[in-house]
């Protein structure tokens, strides 16, 4: 017999992935398939995050090393293989973005592949960034009431009585015009004892007599230079003359003193202004009733004693001593009115009559029908404290002004408008 020729053994590839079984001796691809039952597991397979050695490289699943597909190249994500889903978990981790700046919130942005650093430190949770942070504007990081947007109300309220710079404009409340209110206070009708119960003044302040006043309104502060200038600009008022004050060569028309009381205005000029504003001068009885602020039988609008913290009088110690002070520098009395004692004398509507209290009607007394001089009330910066008493009466020729004379207006009540 001749020599017989045998065919080579067939390649054993049980899972049909093109890679031979470990028991096969002859295959097209000589690599041995580390799992001949699953076609996805062979020497050329891509790791698919299933926990097995898909590419037959080293007996372990390579995921998620930097060389494998779970790495998304985003610095702020934690990349890991999830065998349960056979997928990659690329989880944002804000801690990876921490820049050690206490003023910023650091966050991962998977979309951009980077970190965001937002300056948002707000220690007192008032909505304004702490001043210690770059771009921070909150001038007090411990008090939520103190921030750039704070409203500074009138003195005596929880904001403007704290002597802080509530609106962060650089000025504290005691010198900040932001604390100045506008408008009028409602003076509720009622009866009071008019006159001097201490018998400290002249006979023109007595007898003490009961007077009843109808509800009316009164300006919360003395008319200021800026307010009076509006009437002058409208052609309804004449400018005060001179335009200086006791210690200032320029006063009226100087923006520095816009919120200070207008002076050097006579009774006729004050009447013109109040008429232009749709108001009137208060009667003498209205003025004293309002000045007492609901207190009965007191020497001053706030009580029986006085100091430089209460009002502007000669040598009172205010920042502008001795001259006019900014309106509302001192606190309000019971009806929310400012400077009802001191700063400037205030014109009222009444003619002056020394014995008027002996003939005054009990209800809304209008004052005498005629006279030579008009009544002044309240004392001024140039006066001693005795002139600041609520019951104090003074008078002046209506055609004259002075460096310590000003006014405020009233509205409604028994005399309109």
Protein backbone atom coordinates (compact mmCIF):
# COMPACT_ATOMS: atom_id res chain seq x y z
CA UNK A 1 0.00 0.00 0.00
CA UNK A 2 1.07 3.61 -0.65
CA UNK A 3 1.43 6.32 1.97
CA UNK A 4 -1.91 7.79 3.05
CA UNK A 5 -2.41 11.68 3.20
CA UNK A 6 -4.43 13.05 6.26
CA UNK A 7 -6.31 16.46 6.32
CA UNK A 8 -5.21 18.94 9.10
CA UNK A 9 -7.43 18.99 12.21
CA UNK A 10 -10.36 21.44 12.08
CA UNK A 11 -10.27 24.67 14.11
CA UNK A 12 -12.43 24.40 17.21
CA UNK A 13 -14.31 27.73 17.68
CA UNK A 14 -17.35 26.95 19.78
CA UNK A 15 -18.70 30.56 20.07
CA UNK A 16 -17.98 31.46 16.44
CA UNK A 17 -16.08 34.63 17.27
CA UNK A 18 -13.13 33.73 15.02
CA UNK A 19 -10.83 32.92 17.87
CA UNK A 20 -9.96 29.32 18.59
CA UNK A 21 -10.80 27.36 21.64
CA UNK A 22 -8.02 26.78 24.12
CA UNK A 23 -8.18 23.07 23.14
CA UNK A 24 -7.88 23.72 19.41
CA UNK A 25 -4.53 23.11 17.88
CA UNK A 26 -5.19 24.68 14.52
CA UNK A 27 -7.14 27.87 13.75
CA UNK A 28 -6.89 30.79 11.36
CA UNK A 29 -6.14 33.05 14.32
CA UNK A 30 -3.75 31.26 16.61
CA UNK A 31 -4.83 33.30 19.67
CA UNK A 32 -6.61 31.28 22.24
CA UNK A 33 -10.12 32.39 23.17
CA UNK A 34 -10.30 32.81 26.93
CA UNK A 35 -14.06 32.13 26.86
CA UNK A 36 -15.19 29.92 23.96
CA UNK A 37 -18.84 30.15 25.00
CA UNK A 38 -19.41 33.92 24.66
CA UNK A 39 -18.56 35.50 21.29
CA UNK A 40 -18.04 38.97 22.94
CA UNK A 41 -15.12 37.59 24.97
CA UNK A 42 -12.05 37.08 22.87
CA UNK A 43 -8.54 38.46 22.58
CA UNK A 44 -9.68 41.33 20.32
CA UNK A 45 -12.82 42.35 22.27
CA UNK A 46 -13.35 45.81 23.77
CA UNK A 47 -13.91 45.89 27.49
CA UNK A 48 -17.59 46.53 28.17
CA UNK A 49 -17.66 47.05 31.92
CA UNK A 50 -19.14 43.65 32.81
CA UNK A 51 -16.56 42.55 35.33
CA UNK A 52 -14.86 39.94 33.11
CA UNK A 53 -11.70 39.91 31.04
CA UNK A 54 -13.34 40.68 27.71
CA UNK A 55 -10.15 41.16 25.75
CA UNK A 56 -8.40 38.14 27.19
CA UNK A 57 -5.53 40.36 28.21
CA UNK A 58 -4.70 39.61 31.78
CA UNK A 59 -7.56 37.74 33.35
CA UNK A 60 -9.28 40.87 34.81
CA UNK A 61 -11.69 43.52 33.58
CA UNK A 62 -9.58 46.58 32.80
CA UNK A 63 -12.35 49.17 33.46
CA UNK A 64 -12.17 51.95 34.47
CA UNK A 65 -8.46 52.69 34.12
CA UNK A 66 -7.41 55.81 32.24
CA UNK A 67 -6.71 53.74 29.16
CA UNK A 68 -10.23 52.39 28.98
CA UNK A 69 -13.49 53.84 27.65
CA UNK A 70 -15.01 54.85 31.03
CA UNK A 71 -12.67 57.82 31.20
CA UNK A 72 -14.73 60.75 29.84
CA UNK A 73 -11.84 63.24 30.07
CA UNK A 74 -13.96 65.48 32.31
CA UNK A 75 -11.82 66.50 35.27
CA UNK A 76 -14.68 66.85 37.75
CA UNK A 77 -16.38 63.48 37.31
CA UNK A 78 -15.66 60.24 39.08
CA UNK A 79 -15.47 57.57 36.34
CA UNK A 80 -16.26 53.97 37.23
CA UNK A 81 -17.46 50.75 35.69
CA UNK A 82 -20.91 49.45 36.58
CA UNK A 83 -21.01 45.66 36.05
CA UNK A 84 -24.74 45.55 36.68
CA UNK A 85 -25.52 47.80 33.71
CA UNK A 86 -22.38 46.99 31.73
CA UNK A 87 -21.97 50.75 31.36
CA UNK A 88 -19.81 53.52 32.71
CA UNK A 89 -20.83 55.73 35.61
CA UNK A 90 -19.41 59.23 35.13
CA UNK A 91 -20.62 61.03 38.28
CA UNK A 92 -20.04 64.77 38.84
CA UNK A 93 -18.22 65.38 42.12
CA UNK A 94 -18.14 69.01 43.26
CA UNK A 95 -15.44 68.19 45.78
CA UNK A 96 -13.02 67.73 42.90
CA UNK A 97 -13.54 71.42 42.04
CA UNK A 98 -12.79 72.81 45.51
CA UNK A 99 -10.48 75.81 45.08
CA UNK A 100 -10.15 76.38 48.86
CA UNK A 101 -11.82 79.81 48.56
CA UNK A 102 -14.44 80.23 51.33
CA UNK A 103 -16.24 82.84 49.26
CA UNK A 104 -17.12 80.52 46.38
CA UNK A 105 -19.44 77.62 45.76
CA UNK A 106 -17.50 75.21 43.57
CA UNK A 107 -19.42 72.93 41.20
CA UNK A 108 -18.74 70.47 38.43
CA UNK A 109 -20.12 71.27 35.00
CA UNK A 110 -20.23 67.95 33.09
CA UNK A 111 -21.38 69.71 29.94
CA UNK A 112 -18.32 71.91 29.67
CA UNK A 113 -16.02 69.44 31.30
CA UNK A 114 -14.81 71.99 33.83
CA UNK A 115 -15.52 73.56 37.19
CA UNK A 116 -17.53 76.66 38.04
CA UNK A 117 -16.63 78.92 40.97
CA UNK A 118 -19.48 81.22 42.01
CA UNK A 119 -18.80 83.95 44.59
CA UNK A 120 -21.89 83.70 46.78
CA UNK A 121 -20.81 83.82 50.41
CA UNK A 122 -23.63 85.58 52.28
CA UNK A 123 -23.03 85.04 55.99
CA UNK A 124 -26.11 86.92 57.19
CA UNK A 125 -28.38 85.68 54.36
CA UNK A 126 -29.54 89.14 53.36
CA UNK A 127 -28.95 88.51 49.66
CA UNK A 128 -25.74 90.52 49.44
CA UNK A 129 -22.22 89.07 49.09
CA UNK A 130 -19.92 89.44 52.08
CA UNK A 131 -17.66 92.46 51.90
CA UNK A 132 -14.55 90.32 52.51
CA UNK A 133 -15.14 88.54 49.19
CA UNK A 134 -14.07 89.91 45.83
CA UNK A 135 -16.95 92.05 44.58
CA UNK A 136 -18.80 91.81 47.90
CA UNK A 137 -20.90 94.86 48.78
CA UNK A 138 -22.44 93.99 52.15
CA UNK A 139 -20.99 96.47 54.64
CA UNK A 140 -22.04 94.34 57.63
CA UNK A 141 -21.84 90.59 57.09
CA UNK A 142 -23.34 89.81 60.51
CA UNK A 143 -26.54 91.85 60.35
CA UNK A 144 -29.21 90.99 57.74
CA UNK A 145 -30.77 94.46 58.14
CA UNK A 146 -27.57 96.15 57.00
CA UNK A 147 -26.86 95.88 53.29
CA UNK A 148 -26.77 98.11 50.18
CA UNK A 149 -30.49 97.76 49.58
CA UNK A 150 -31.62 98.48 53.14
CA UNK A 151 -34.23 101.16 53.62
CA UNK A 152 -33.30 103.75 56.20
CA UNK A 153 -36.48 104.92 57.82
CA UNK A 154 -37.01 107.78 60.27
CA UNK A 155 -35.01 107.99 63.47
CA UNK A 156 -36.62 106.07 66.29
CA UNK A 157 -37.49 103.07 64.11
CA UNK A 158 -35.50 99.80 64.36
CA UNK A 159 -33.28 100.81 61.45
CA UNK A 160 -32.39 104.46 61.73
CA UNK A 161 -32.03 104.40 65.50
CA UNK A 162 -29.17 101.88 65.37
CA UNK A 163 -26.53 104.45 64.27
CA UNK A 164 -25.33 102.06 61.54
CA UNK A 165 -24.85 102.66 57.84
CA UNK A 166 -27.87 100.57 56.91
CA UNK A 167 -27.85 101.30 53.20
CA UNK A 168 -24.05 101.03 52.86
CA UNK A 169 -23.66 104.46 51.31
CA UNK A 170 -20.78 105.44 53.56
CA UNK A 171 -22.77 107.55 56.02
CA UNK A 172 -24.10 106.37 59.35
CA UNK A 173 -27.72 107.01 60.22
CA UNK A 174 -26.95 110.04 62.36
CA UNK A 175 -25.72 112.01 59.34
CA UNK A 176 -27.44 110.17 56.53
CA UNK A 177 -30.12 111.97 54.56
CA UNK A 178 -31.43 108.54 53.62
CA UNK A 179 -33.05 108.49 57.02
CA UNK A 180 -34.94 111.67 56.30
CA UNK A 181 -38.64 111.10 55.77
CA UNK A 182 -40.93 113.14 53.59
CA UNK A 183 -44.55 114.07 53.80
CA UNK A 184 -46.86 114.79 56.67
CA UNK A 185 -47.85 113.16 59.93
CA UNK A 186 -51.48 112.69 60.91
CA UNK A 187 -52.19 114.50 64.17
CA UNK A 188 -55.25 112.86 65.77
CA UNK A 189 -57.86 115.18 67.14
CA UNK A 190 -58.21 115.61 70.87
CA UNK A 191 -58.11 117.98 73.82
CA UNK A 192 -55.13 119.17 75.86
CA UNK A 193 -54.10 121.70 78.48
CA UNK A 194 -52.51 124.59 76.60
CA UNK A 195 -50.02 126.80 78.39
CA UNK A 196 -47.23 126.58 80.97
CA UNK A 197 -48.04 124.30 83.92
CA UNK A 198 -44.66 125.09 85.54
CA UNK A 199 -45.17 128.86 85.60
CA UNK A 200 -41.69 129.30 84.10
CA UNK A 201 -42.62 131.78 81.39
CA UNK A 202 -44.43 135.05 81.29
CA UNK A 203 -48.08 135.79 81.77
CA UNK A 204 -48.56 135.38 78.03
CA UNK A 205 -48.23 131.60 78.59
CA UNK A 206 -51.04 131.51 81.13
CA UNK A 207 -53.64 130.67 82.21
CA UNK A 208 -53.39 126.99 81.36
CA UNK A 209 -56.66 126.25 79.59
CA UNK A 210 -58.27 123.29 77.89
CA UNK A 211 -58.31 123.40 74.09
CA UNK A 212 -59.74 120.84 71.68
CA UNK A 213 -58.21 120.40 68.23
CA UNK A 214 -59.66 118.72 65.15
CA UNK A 215 -57.62 116.05 63.36
CA UNK A 216 -55.14 117.59 60.92
CA UNK A 217 -51.78 116.93 59.26
CA UNK A 218 -48.43 118.57 59.83
CA UNK A 219 -45.10 118.42 57.97
CA UNK A 220 -42.84 115.93 59.70
CA UNK A 221 -39.89 118.30 59.46
CA UNK A 222 -39.21 121.97 58.90
CA UNK A 223 -39.28 123.04 55.26
CA UNK A 224 -35.80 122.55 53.83
CA UNK A 225 -33.72 124.63 51.46
CA UNK A 226 -34.29 122.10 48.66
CA UNK A 227 -38.05 122.00 49.21
CA UNK A 228 -38.35 125.78 49.29
CA UNK A 229 -36.20 126.07 46.15
CA UNK A 230 -38.82 124.09 44.22
CA UNK A 231 -41.37 126.82 44.95
CA UNK A 232 -38.87 129.49 43.91
CA UNK A 233 -38.16 127.62 40.67
CA UNK A 234 -41.90 127.47 40.03
CA UNK A 235 -42.19 131.24 40.34
CA UNK A 236 -44.50 131.12 43.36
CA UNK A 237 -41.94 131.99 46.06
CA UNK A 238 -39.17 134.53 46.40
CA UNK A 239 -35.71 133.38 47.39
CA UNK A 240 -34.55 133.98 50.96
CA UNK A 241 -32.12 136.82 51.44
CA UNK A 242 -29.36 136.67 52.33
CA UNK A 243 -28.44 133.15 51.19
CA UNK A 244 -25.88 132.63 53.95
CA UNK A 245 -26.31 131.37 57.50
CA UNK A 246 -24.70 132.32 60.80
CA UNK A 247 -21.46 130.41 60.14
CA UNK A 248 -21.68 129.60 56.41
CA UNK A 249 -21.01 132.07 53.63
CA UNK A 250 -23.18 129.97 51.31
CA UNK A 251 -26.22 128.12 52.62
CA UNK A 252 -29.40 128.41 50.54
CA UNK A 253 -28.57 127.08 47.07
CA UNK A 254 -25.56 125.11 48.33
CA UNK A 255 -26.31 121.37 47.81
CA UNK A 256 -24.46 120.55 51.01
CA UNK A 257 -27.31 122.15 52.94
CA UNK A 258 -30.27 120.98 50.85
CA UNK A 259 -31.66 119.03 53.81
CA UNK A 260 -31.26 121.86 56.30
CA UNK A 261 -34.15 124.21 57.20
CA UNK A 262 -34.66 127.24 55.03
CA UNK A 263 -34.04 130.50 56.93
CA UNK A 264 -34.33 134.23 56.26
CA UNK A 265 -37.98 133.80 55.22
CA UNK A 266 -40.62 136.15 56.55
CA UNK A 267 -44.20 135.27 57.42
CA UNK A 268 -45.48 136.25 53.95
CA UNK A 269 -42.93 134.06 52.19
CA UNK A 270 -43.88 131.08 54.38
CA UNK A 271 -47.55 131.63 53.60
CA UNK A 272 -46.76 131.73 49.88
CA UNK A 273 -44.89 128.44 50.12
CA UNK A 274 -47.60 126.62 52.08
CA UNK A 275 -50.25 127.87 49.64
CA UNK A 276 -48.14 126.68 46.69
CA UNK A 277 -47.81 123.27 48.36
CA UNK A 278 -51.59 123.02 48.91
CA UNK A 279 -51.21 123.56 52.63
CA UNK A 280 -51.28 126.37 55.20
CA UNK A 281 -49.43 127.52 58.29
CA UNK A 282 -50.65 125.80 61.48
CA UNK A 283 -52.48 127.78 64.11
CA UNK A 284 -50.67 128.40 67.36
CA UNK A 285 -52.96 125.97 69.19
CA UNK A 286 -52.42 123.27 66.55
CA UNK A 287 -48.67 123.78 66.79
CA UNK A 288 -48.52 123.33 70.58
CA UNK A 289 -50.94 120.39 70.51
CA UNK A 290 -48.82 118.65 67.86
CA UNK A 291 -45.53 119.54 69.58
CA UNK A 292 -46.61 117.85 72.80
CA UNK A 293 -46.90 114.58 70.88
CA UNK A 294 -49.65 113.21 73.09
CA UNK A 295 -47.79 113.93 76.36
CA UNK A 296 -49.67 115.91 78.97
CA UNK A 297 -48.17 118.72 81.01
CA UNK A 298 -44.53 118.22 79.96
CA UNK A 299 -41.87 120.87 79.55
CA UNK A 300 -40.51 119.60 76.21
CA UNK A 301 -41.90 117.46 73.39
CA UNK A 302 -40.33 114.33 74.92
CA UNK A 303 -40.47 115.03 78.70
CA UNK A 304 -39.25 117.43 81.38
CA UNK A 305 -35.47 117.39 80.87
CA UNK A 306 -33.26 118.32 77.93
CA UNK A 307 -29.73 117.62 76.71
CA UNK A 308 -27.70 117.94 73.54
CA UNK A 309 -28.98 114.56 72.39
CA UNK A 310 -32.55 115.89 72.24
CA UNK A 311 -32.44 119.10 70.23
CA UNK A 312 -30.31 121.79 68.58
CA UNK A 313 -29.83 124.81 70.82
CA UNK A 314 -26.92 127.10 71.60
CA UNK A 315 -23.86 124.99 72.46
CA UNK A 316 -25.92 121.78 72.23
CA UNK A 317 -22.95 119.93 70.73
CA UNK A 318 -24.40 118.76 67.42
CA UNK A 319 -21.96 118.41 64.50
CA UNK A 320 -22.91 121.85 63.15
CA UNK A 321 -22.82 123.73 66.46
CA UNK A 322 -23.64 126.63 66.50
CA UNK A 323 -25.89 126.92 63.46
CA UNK A 324 -28.79 125.06 61.88
CA UNK A 325 -28.67 121.26 61.86
CA UNK A 326 -29.88 118.83 59.24
CA UNK A 327 -33.58 118.08 59.62
CA UNK A 328 -34.30 114.80 61.40
CA UNK A 329 -30.83 114.65 62.93
CA UNK A 330 -32.59 114.35 66.28
CA UNK A 331 -35.25 111.74 66.97
CA UNK A 332 -39.01 112.26 66.54
CA UNK A 333 -41.50 112.87 69.29
CA UNK A 334 -44.76 111.01 69.87
CA UNK A 335 -46.48 112.10 66.66
CA UNK A 336 -43.43 111.43 64.47
CA UNK A 337 -42.47 115.12 64.16
CA UNK A 338 -38.88 116.34 64.17
CA UNK A 339 -37.32 119.50 65.62
CA UNK A 340 -40.45 120.69 67.37
CA UNK A 341 -37.93 122.14 69.81
CA UNK A 342 -34.83 123.93 68.57
CA UNK A 343 -33.10 124.26 65.21
CA UNK A 344 -35.21 127.19 63.92
CA UNK A 345 -38.10 129.20 65.28
CA UNK A 346 -41.26 128.35 63.34
CA UNK A 347 -43.78 130.85 62.06
CA UNK A 348 -47.42 130.00 62.76
CA UNK A 349 -50.53 131.63 61.35
CA UNK A 350 -51.72 133.58 64.41
CA UNK A 351 -51.38 137.22 65.18
CA UNK A 352 -49.70 137.65 68.55
CA UNK A 353 -51.76 138.88 71.51
CA UNK A 354 -50.15 138.60 74.95
CA UNK A 355 -53.43 137.94 76.81
CA UNK A 356 -55.05 135.75 74.16
CA UNK A 357 -55.24 132.77 76.51
CA UNK A 358 -57.79 134.64 78.63
CA UNK A 359 -60.20 134.99 75.70
CA UNK A 360 -59.28 131.99 73.53
CA UNK A 361 -62.26 129.83 72.47
CA UNK A 362 -62.04 126.19 73.60
CA UNK A 363 -62.37 124.58 70.17
CA UNK A 364 -59.83 125.10 67.36
CA UNK A 365 -58.91 128.67 68.37
CA UNK A 366 -57.98 130.67 65.25
CA UNK A 367 -55.94 133.32 67.05
CA UNK A 368 -56.67 137.06 67.27
CA UNK A 369 -58.34 138.79 64.37
CA UNK A 370 -55.59 141.38 64.01
CA UNK A 371 -52.28 142.47 65.44
CA UNK A 372 -48.86 143.85 64.77
CA UNK A 373 -46.64 140.80 64.99
CA UNK A 374 -47.05 137.08 64.29
CA UNK A 375 -46.38 134.19 66.65
CA UNK A 376 -43.15 132.16 66.58
CA UNK A 377 -42.85 128.76 68.27
CA UNK A 378 -40.24 126.15 69.17
CA UNK A 379 -37.00 127.99 69.91
CA UNK A 380 -33.88 127.73 67.76
CA UNK A 381 -30.21 126.84 67.50
CA UNK A 382 -29.31 130.29 68.82
CA UNK A 383 -31.52 130.07 71.91
CA UNK A 384 -31.03 128.70 75.42
CA UNK A 385 -33.04 125.69 76.55
CA UNK A 386 -35.72 127.78 78.27
CA UNK A 387 -36.82 129.00 74.84
CA UNK A 388 -37.36 125.41 73.67
CA UNK A 389 -40.20 124.73 76.11
CA UNK A 390 -43.40 123.57 74.40
CA UNK A 391 -45.41 126.39 75.98
CA UNK A 392 -42.94 129.15 75.04
CA UNK A 393 -44.46 131.95 72.95
CA UNK A 394 -42.53 134.53 70.98
CA UNK A 395 -43.41 136.96 68.21
CA UNK A 396 -41.83 138.87 65.34
CA UNK A 397 -42.84 141.38 62.70
CA UNK A 398 -44.28 139.41 59.77
CA UNK A 399 -42.28 141.29 57.14
CA UNK A 400 -38.93 140.35 58.65
CA UNK A 401 -36.87 137.20 58.30
CA UNK A 402 -33.89 136.03 60.29
CA UNK A 403 -31.01 133.58 60.46
CA UNK A 404 -32.94 131.49 62.98
CA UNK A 405 -36.45 131.69 61.51
CA UNK A 406 -38.08 128.91 59.52
CA UNK A 407 -41.42 127.11 59.32
CA UNK A 408 -43.44 124.01 58.53
CA UNK A 409 -46.92 123.63 57.03
CA UNK A 410 -50.18 122.01 58.07
CA UNK A 411 -53.21 120.71 56.20
CA UNK A 412 -56.81 119.80 56.95
CA UNK A 413 -58.46 120.17 60.32
CA UNK A 414 -60.78 123.04 61.13
CA UNK A 415 -59.13 125.42 58.67
CA UNK A 416 -58.35 123.29 55.62
CA UNK A 417 -57.37 123.34 52.90
